[in-house]
Amino acid sequence: AASNKENTSKFTMKTILVFSLLLAATLAGNRREEIKEAVTACGGENDGPNELGKLILNENADQAKLGAITFCVNKKLGVQNDQGDLDVDVIRKDLNTFIKDESEVNKIVEECGKRKGDTSEAAAFNFFKCYQKHITK
């Protein structure tokens, strides 16, 4: 009976571990879905040649149009508030889901997490351009 109890305990621990891993993956997946939904709701594209992340890195990117879309997305995701100020805690949390090196996360937050731009849209554009440069190396 003792070995049966031991097996049940091992099974329970494995189940908890698998569930925890699935939960972590699901949270990251949920955020990915949130991002896709926000981009679509704000008039942007998630993939293809007109993907928001690709367009923003173009030399002659339409800052007004892309800034407006990006600001809309950032507000929905909590990256920026209504005034256009960046929330570095949200940025850091998002980065931590796919970058495990804390010093790299700190570098990106330090470089991209300061508001640059007079309008909320300009701040959104500049943040996302900086962010994209770092994550698409």
N, C-alpha and C. Protein backbone atom coordinates (compact mmCIF):
# COMPACT_ATOMS: atom_id res chain seq x y z
N ALA A 1 0.83 -1.20 0.00
CA ALA A 1 0.00 0.00 0.00
C ALA A 1 0.86 1.25 0.00
N ALA A 2 2.04 1.17 0.62
CA ALA A 2 2.93 2.33 0.68
C ALA A 2 3.41 2.73 -0.71
N SER A 3 3.75 1.75 -1.54
CA SER A 3 4.24 2.07 -2.88
C SER A 3 3.12 2.67 -3.74
N ASN A 4 1.90 2.23 -3.53
CA ASN A 4 0.77 2.77 -4.26
C ASN A 4 0.56 4.25 -3.90
N LYS A 5 0.71 4.55 -2.61
CA LYS A 5 0.59 5.93 -2.13
C LYS A 5 1.71 6.80 -2.73
N GLU A 6 2.91 6.21 -2.79
CA GLU A 6 4.07 6.91 -3.35
C GLU A 6 3.83 7.23 -4.83
N ASN A 7 3.31 6.25 -5.57
CA ASN A 7 3.01 6.46 -6.99
C ASN A 7 1.96 7.55 -7.18
N THR A 8 0.96 7.55 -6.33
CA THR A 8 -0.09 8.57 -6.40
C THR A 8 0.51 9.95 -6.15
N SER A 9 1.41 10.03 -5.19
CA SER A 9 2.07 11.29 -4.87
C SER A 9 2.92 11.77 -6.04
N LYS A 10 3.69 10.86 -6.66
CA LYS A 10 4.50 11.21 -7.83
C LYS A 10 3.61 11.68 -8.97
N PHE A 11 2.51 10.94 -9.17
CA PHE A 11 1.57 11.29 -10.22
C PHE A 11 1.01 12.70 -9.98
N THR A 12 0.65 12.98 -8.74
CA THR A 12 0.09 14.28 -8.38
C THR A 12 1.11 15.39 -8.64
N MET A 13 2.36 15.17 -8.26
CA MET A 13 3.41 16.17 -8.49
C MET A 13 3.62 16.41 -9.98
N LYS A 14 3.65 15.32 -10.75
CA LYS A 14 3.81 15.46 -12.21
C LYS A 14 2.64 16.22 -12.80
N THR A 15 1.45 15.90 -12.34
CA THR A 15 0.25 16.57 -12.83
C THR A 15 0.32 18.07 -12.53
N ILE A 16 0.73 18.40 -11.32
CA ILE A 16 0.85 19.81 -10.93
C ILE A 16 1.90 20.51 -11.79
N LEU A 17 3.04 19.84 -12.01
CA LEU A 17 4.11 20.42 -12.82
C LEU A 17 3.62 20.67 -14.25
N VAL A 18 3.01 19.67 -14.85
CA VAL A 18 2.51 19.79 -16.22
C VAL A 18 1.46 20.91 -16.30
N PHE A 19 0.56 20.94 -15.33
CA PHE A 19 -0.47 21.97 -15.30
C PHE A 19 0.17 23.36 -15.20
N SER A 20 1.19 23.49 -14.34
CA SER A 20 1.87 24.78 -14.17
C SER A 20 2.53 25.22 -15.47
N LEU A 21 3.17 24.28 -16.15
CA LEU A 21 3.82 24.61 -17.43
C LEU A 21 2.79 25.01 -18.47
N LEU A 22 1.68 24.27 -18.51
CA LEU A 22 0.62 24.62 -19.45
C LEU A 22 0.03 25.99 -19.15
N LEU A 23 -0.14 26.27 -17.87
CA LEU A 23 -0.67 27.56 -17.45
C LEU A 23 0.26 28.69 -17.90
N ALA A 24 1.56 28.51 -17.69
CA ALA A 24 2.54 29.53 -18.10
C ALA A 24 2.49 29.72 -19.61
N ALA A 25 2.44 28.63 -20.35
CA ALA A 25 2.38 28.71 -21.81
C ALA A 25 1.08 29.37 -22.26
N THR A 26 0.00 29.04 -21.56
CA THR A 26 -1.30 29.61 -21.90
C THR A 26 -1.32 31.11 -21.64
N LEU A 27 -0.73 31.54 -20.53
CA LEU A 27 -0.69 32.97 -20.24
C LEU A 27 0.07 33.70 -21.34
N ALA A 28 1.21 33.15 -21.75
CA ALA A 28 1.98 33.75 -22.83
C ALA A 28 1.15 33.72 -24.11
N GLY A 29 0.46 32.60 -24.34
CA GLY A 29 -0.40 32.47 -25.51
C GLY A 29 -1.57 33.44 -25.48
N ASN A 30 -2.16 33.62 -24.29
CA ASN A 30 -3.26 34.58 -24.13
C ASN A 30 -2.79 35.99 -24.46
N ARG A 31 -1.60 36.35 -24.01
CA ARG A 31 -1.07 37.68 -24.29
C ARG A 31 -0.86 37.84 -25.79
N ARG A 32 -0.37 36.78 -26.43
CA ARG A 32 -0.17 36.81 -27.88
C ARG A 32 -1.51 37.05 -28.57
N GLU A 33 -2.56 36.37 -28.10
CA GLU A 33 -3.90 36.55 -28.66
C GLU A 33 -4.40 37.97 -28.41
N GLU A 34 -4.16 38.48 -27.19
CA GLU A 34 -4.55 39.86 -26.85
C GLU A 34 -3.90 40.83 -27.81
N ILE A 35 -2.62 40.62 -28.09
CA ILE A 35 -1.87 41.51 -28.99
C ILE A 35 -2.47 41.45 -30.39
N LYS A 36 -2.69 40.23 -30.89
CA LYS A 36 -3.27 40.07 -32.24
C LYS A 36 -4.63 40.76 -32.33
N GLU A 37 -5.47 40.54 -31.32
CA GLU A 37 -6.81 41.15 -31.32
C GLU A 37 -6.72 42.67 -31.27
N ALA A 38 -5.80 43.19 -30.47
CA ALA A 38 -5.64 44.64 -30.35
C ALA A 38 -5.16 45.23 -31.68
N VAL A 39 -4.20 44.58 -32.32
CA VAL A 39 -3.68 45.07 -33.61
C VAL A 39 -4.81 45.10 -34.64
N THR A 40 -5.58 44.03 -34.72
CA THR A 40 -6.69 43.96 -35.67
C THR A 40 -7.75 45.02 -35.35
N ALA A 41 -8.11 45.14 -34.07
CA ALA A 41 -9.13 46.12 -33.65
C ALA A 41 -8.69 47.55 -33.95
N CYS A 42 -7.39 47.79 -33.94
CA CYS A 42 -6.87 49.14 -34.16
C CYS A 42 -6.54 49.41 -35.63
N GLY A 43 -6.83 48.45 -36.50
CA GLY A 43 -6.65 48.68 -37.93
C GLY A 43 -5.29 48.26 -38.47
N GLY A 44 -4.55 47.47 -37.71
CA GLY A 44 -3.25 47.00 -38.18
C GLY A 44 -3.32 45.57 -38.66
N GLU A 45 -2.20 45.08 -39.20
CA GLU A 45 -2.11 43.70 -39.66
C GLU A 45 -1.08 42.95 -38.83
N ASN A 46 -1.38 41.67 -38.54
CA ASN A 46 -0.51 40.84 -37.71
C ASN A 46 0.57 40.11 -38.49
N ASP A 47 0.34 39.88 -39.78
CA ASP A 47 1.37 39.18 -40.55
C ASP A 47 1.33 39.64 -42.00
N GLY A 48 2.25 39.10 -42.79
CA GLY A 48 2.34 39.51 -44.19
C GLY A 48 3.19 40.75 -44.34
N PRO A 49 3.23 41.30 -45.57
CA PRO A 49 4.11 42.45 -45.85
C PRO A 49 3.71 43.72 -45.10
N ASN A 50 2.44 43.81 -44.70
CA ASN A 50 1.98 45.00 -43.98
C ASN A 50 1.90 44.79 -42.48
N GLU A 51 2.62 43.81 -41.97
CA GLU A 51 2.67 43.56 -40.53
C GLU A 51 3.19 44.82 -39.84
N LEU A 52 2.51 45.21 -38.77
CA LEU A 52 2.84 46.44 -38.04
C LEU A 52 4.32 46.52 -37.68
N GLY A 53 4.88 45.44 -37.15
CA GLY A 53 6.28 45.42 -36.74
C GLY A 53 7.25 45.64 -37.88
N LYS A 54 6.91 45.15 -39.08
CA LYS A 54 7.77 45.33 -40.26
C LYS A 54 7.65 46.76 -40.78
N LEU A 55 6.41 47.25 -40.86
CA LEU A 55 6.18 48.59 -41.40
C LEU A 55 6.89 49.66 -40.59
N ILE A 56 6.89 49.50 -39.28
CA ILE A 56 7.44 50.53 -38.40
C ILE A 56 8.95 50.65 -38.55
N LEU A 57 9.60 49.58 -39.01
CA LEU A 57 11.06 49.61 -39.19
C LEU A 57 11.47 50.15 -40.56
N ASN A 58 10.51 50.38 -41.46
CA ASN A 58 10.84 50.94 -42.77
C ASN A 58 11.43 52.33 -42.62
N GLU A 59 12.39 52.63 -43.49
CA GLU A 59 13.05 53.93 -43.48
C GLU A 59 12.04 55.08 -43.60
N ASN A 60 11.07 54.91 -44.51
CA ASN A 60 10.08 55.98 -44.75
C ASN A 60 8.71 55.59 -44.20
N ALA A 61 8.70 55.05 -42.99
CA ALA A 61 7.45 54.64 -42.34
C ALA A 61 6.53 55.84 -42.12
N ASP A 62 5.24 55.64 -42.30
CA ASP A 62 4.24 56.67 -42.09
C ASP A 62 4.00 56.82 -40.59
N GLN A 63 4.75 57.76 -39.98
CA GLN A 63 4.71 57.89 -38.52
C GLN A 63 3.32 58.24 -38.00
N ALA A 64 2.60 59.10 -38.70
CA ALA A 64 1.27 59.51 -38.23
C ALA A 64 0.32 58.32 -38.21
N LYS A 65 0.26 57.58 -39.31
CA LYS A 65 -0.66 56.43 -39.42
C LYS A 65 -0.24 55.31 -38.47
N LEU A 66 1.04 54.92 -38.52
CA LEU A 66 1.51 53.81 -37.69
C LEU A 66 1.51 54.19 -36.21
N GLY A 67 1.80 55.46 -35.92
CA GLY A 67 1.77 55.94 -34.54
C GLY A 67 0.38 55.84 -33.94
N ALA A 68 -0.64 56.19 -34.75
CA ALA A 68 -2.03 56.12 -34.29
C ALA A 68 -2.44 54.67 -34.01
N ILE A 69 -2.08 53.77 -34.93
CA ILE A 69 -2.41 52.34 -34.74
C ILE A 69 -1.68 51.81 -33.51
N THR A 70 -0.39 52.11 -33.41
CA THR A 70 0.43 51.61 -32.31
C THR A 70 -0.06 52.14 -30.97
N PHE A 71 -0.43 53.43 -30.92
CA PHE A 71 -0.94 54.00 -29.67
C PHE A 71 -2.23 53.29 -29.27
N CYS A 72 -3.11 53.04 -30.23
CA CYS A 72 -4.36 52.32 -29.97
C CYS A 72 -4.05 50.94 -29.38
N VAL A 73 -3.12 50.21 -30.00
CA VAL A 73 -2.74 48.87 -29.54
C VAL A 73 -2.15 48.96 -28.13
N ASN A 74 -1.21 49.89 -27.94
CA ASN A 74 -0.53 50.03 -26.65
C ASN A 74 -1.50 50.35 -25.52
N LYS A 75 -2.51 51.19 -25.81
CA LYS A 75 -3.51 51.51 -24.79
C LYS A 75 -4.31 50.27 -24.42
N LYS A 76 -4.72 49.50 -25.42
CA LYS A 76 -5.50 48.28 -25.16
C LYS A 76 -4.71 47.28 -24.33
N LEU A 77 -3.38 47.25 -24.53
CA LEU A 77 -2.53 46.28 -23.84
C LEU A 77 -1.97 46.81 -22.52
N GLY A 78 -2.23 48.10 -22.23
CA GLY A 78 -1.74 48.68 -20.99
C GLY A 78 -0.29 49.15 -21.04
N VAL A 79 0.28 49.17 -22.25
CA VAL A 79 1.67 49.61 -22.41
C VAL A 79 1.75 51.13 -22.27
N GLN A 80 0.69 51.83 -22.71
CA GLN A 80 0.62 53.28 -22.57
C GLN A 80 -0.73 53.64 -21.94
N ASN A 81 -0.73 54.78 -21.22
CA ASN A 81 -2.00 55.28 -20.69
C ASN A 81 -2.61 56.27 -21.68
N ASP A 82 -3.74 56.87 -21.33
CA ASP A 82 -4.43 57.80 -22.23
C ASP A 82 -3.58 59.01 -22.61
N GLN A 83 -2.67 59.39 -21.71
CA GLN A 83 -1.80 60.54 -21.99
C GLN A 83 -0.59 60.15 -22.84
N GLY A 84 -0.41 58.85 -23.07
CA GLY A 84 0.70 58.39 -23.90
C GLY A 84 1.94 57.99 -23.12
N ASP A 85 1.85 58.06 -21.78
CA ASP A 85 3.02 57.67 -20.97
C ASP A 85 3.16 56.16 -20.97
N LEU A 86 4.41 55.69 -21.01
CA LEU A 86 4.70 54.26 -21.06
C LEU A 86 4.69 53.66 -19.67
N ASP A 87 4.19 52.44 -19.56
CA ASP A 87 4.21 51.69 -18.29
C ASP A 87 5.32 50.66 -18.38
N VAL A 88 6.48 50.98 -17.78
CA VAL A 88 7.64 50.10 -17.89
C VAL A 88 7.42 48.74 -17.21
N ASP A 89 6.52 48.69 -16.23
CA ASP A 89 6.23 47.40 -15.58
C ASP A 89 5.56 46.43 -16.56
N VAL A 90 4.63 46.95 -17.35
CA VAL A 90 3.96 46.12 -18.36
C VAL A 90 4.96 45.71 -19.44
N ILE A 91 5.79 46.66 -19.87
CA ILE A 91 6.80 46.38 -20.89
C ILE A 91 7.74 45.28 -20.39
N ARG A 92 8.22 45.43 -19.18
CA ARG A 92 9.15 44.45 -18.57
C ARG A 92 8.49 43.07 -18.47
N LYS A 93 7.23 43.04 -18.03
CA LYS A 93 6.51 41.76 -17.88
C LYS A 93 6.37 41.07 -19.24
N ASP A 94 6.02 41.84 -20.27
CA ASP A 94 5.89 41.27 -21.61
C ASP A 94 7.23 40.74 -22.11
N LEU A 95 8.29 41.51 -21.91
CA LEU A 95 9.62 41.08 -22.36
C LEU A 95 10.05 39.81 -21.63
N ASN A 96 9.76 39.74 -20.34
CA ASN A 96 10.15 38.58 -19.54
C ASN A 96 9.50 37.28 -20.01
N THR A 97 8.40 37.36 -20.76
CA THR A 97 7.76 36.14 -21.24
C THR A 97 8.57 35.45 -22.32
N PHE A 98 9.42 36.21 -23.04
CA PHE A 98 10.20 35.56 -24.10
C PHE A 98 11.69 35.87 -24.07
N ILE A 99 12.14 36.73 -23.16
CA ILE A 99 13.58 36.97 -23.00
C ILE A 99 13.94 36.60 -21.57
N LYS A 100 14.77 35.59 -21.42
CA LYS A 100 15.11 35.09 -20.08
C LYS A 100 16.29 35.84 -19.46
N ASP A 101 17.07 36.52 -20.29
CA ASP A 101 18.24 37.25 -19.81
C ASP A 101 17.80 38.61 -19.25
N GLU A 102 17.82 38.72 -17.92
CA GLU A 102 17.34 39.94 -17.24
C GLU A 102 18.12 41.18 -17.68
N SER A 103 19.41 41.04 -17.94
CA SER A 103 20.21 42.21 -18.36
C SER A 103 19.76 42.70 -19.74
N GLU A 104 19.34 41.78 -20.60
CA GLU A 104 18.83 42.16 -21.92
C GLU A 104 17.49 42.89 -21.76
N VAL A 105 16.64 42.38 -20.89
CA VAL A 105 15.35 43.03 -20.61
C VAL A 105 15.59 44.44 -20.07
N ASN A 106 16.52 44.57 -19.11
CA ASN A 106 16.84 45.88 -18.54
C ASN A 106 17.33 46.84 -19.61
N LYS A 107 18.16 46.35 -20.52
CA LYS A 107 18.71 47.18 -21.59
C LYS A 107 17.59 47.72 -22.48
N ILE A 108 16.66 46.84 -22.85
CA ILE A 108 15.54 47.25 -23.71
C ILE A 108 14.64 48.25 -22.98
N VAL A 109 14.33 47.97 -21.72
CA VAL A 109 13.48 48.87 -20.93
C VAL A 109 14.16 50.23 -20.79
N GLU A 110 15.46 50.21 -20.51
CA GLU A 110 16.23 51.45 -20.36
C GLU A 110 16.22 52.27 -21.65
N GLU A 111 16.44 51.59 -22.79
CA GLU A 111 16.51 52.28 -24.07
C GLU A 111 15.16 52.69 -24.62
N CYS A 112 14.16 51.83 -24.46
CA CYS A 112 12.87 52.05 -25.12
C CYS A 112 11.77 52.55 -24.18
N GLY A 113 11.97 52.44 -22.88
CA GLY A 113 10.91 52.73 -21.92
C GLY A 113 10.74 54.19 -21.55
N LYS A 114 11.55 55.06 -22.12
CA LYS A 114 11.38 56.50 -21.85
C LYS A 114 10.57 57.11 -22.98
N ARG A 115 9.64 57.95 -22.61
CA ARG A 115 8.78 58.58 -23.62
C ARG A 115 9.60 59.49 -24.52
N LYS A 116 9.47 59.26 -25.83
CA LYS A 116 10.11 60.11 -26.83
C LYS A 116 9.04 60.53 -27.82
N GLY A 117 8.71 61.81 -27.82
CA GLY A 117 7.67 62.32 -28.72
C GLY A 117 6.70 63.22 -27.98
N ASP A 118 6.26 64.27 -28.67
CA ASP A 118 5.36 65.26 -28.06
C ASP A 118 3.94 64.74 -27.95
N THR A 119 3.53 63.91 -28.91
CA THR A 119 2.17 63.38 -28.87
C THR A 119 2.20 61.92 -28.41
N SER A 120 1.05 61.44 -28.00
CA SER A 120 0.93 60.03 -27.59
C SER A 120 1.28 59.11 -28.75
N GLU A 121 0.85 59.50 -29.96
CA GLU A 121 1.10 58.70 -31.16
C GLU A 121 2.59 58.65 -31.49
N ALA A 122 3.27 59.80 -31.36
CA ALA A 122 4.71 59.84 -31.63
C ALA A 122 5.46 58.99 -30.60
N ALA A 123 5.02 59.07 -29.35
CA ALA A 123 5.65 58.27 -28.29
C ALA A 123 5.45 56.78 -28.57
N ALA A 124 4.25 56.41 -29.03
CA ALA A 124 3.95 55.01 -29.36
C ALA A 124 4.83 54.54 -30.51
N PHE A 125 4.91 55.36 -31.55
CA PHE A 125 5.72 55.02 -32.72
C PHE A 125 7.18 54.81 -32.32
N ASN A 126 7.74 55.77 -31.59
CA ASN A 126 9.15 55.69 -31.20
C ASN A 126 9.44 54.51 -30.28
N PHE A 127 8.51 54.25 -29.35
CA PHE A 127 8.69 53.10 -28.46
C PHE A 127 8.70 51.80 -29.28
N PHE A 128 7.69 51.63 -30.13
CA PHE A 128 7.55 50.37 -30.85
C PHE A 128 8.70 50.16 -31.84
N LYS A 129 9.18 51.24 -32.44
CA LYS A 129 10.32 51.14 -33.36
C LYS A 129 11.55 50.65 -32.59
N CYS A 130 11.80 51.24 -31.44
CA CYS A 130 12.93 50.85 -30.59
C CYS A 130 12.78 49.39 -30.16
N TYR A 131 11.59 49.03 -29.71
CA TYR A 131 11.27 47.67 -29.25
C TYR A 131 11.52 46.67 -30.38
N GLN A 132 11.01 46.97 -31.57
CA GLN A 132 11.16 46.07 -32.72
C GLN A 132 12.63 45.88 -33.10
N LYS A 133 13.41 46.96 -33.03
CA LYS A 133 14.84 46.86 -33.36
C LYS A 133 15.53 45.86 -32.44
N HIS A 134 15.13 45.85 -31.18
CA HIS A 134 15.75 44.95 -30.20
C HIS A 134 15.30 43.51 -30.34
N ILE A 135 14.01 43.31 -30.58
CA ILE A 135 13.51 41.93 -30.58
C ILE A 135 13.63 41.23 -31.93
N THR A 136 13.99 41.95 -32.98
CA THR A 136 14.12 41.31 -34.29
C THR A 136 15.58 41.24 -34.73
N LYS A 137 16.48 41.20 -33.76
CA LYS A 137 17.92 41.10 -34.08
C LYS A 137 18.23 39.82 -34.80
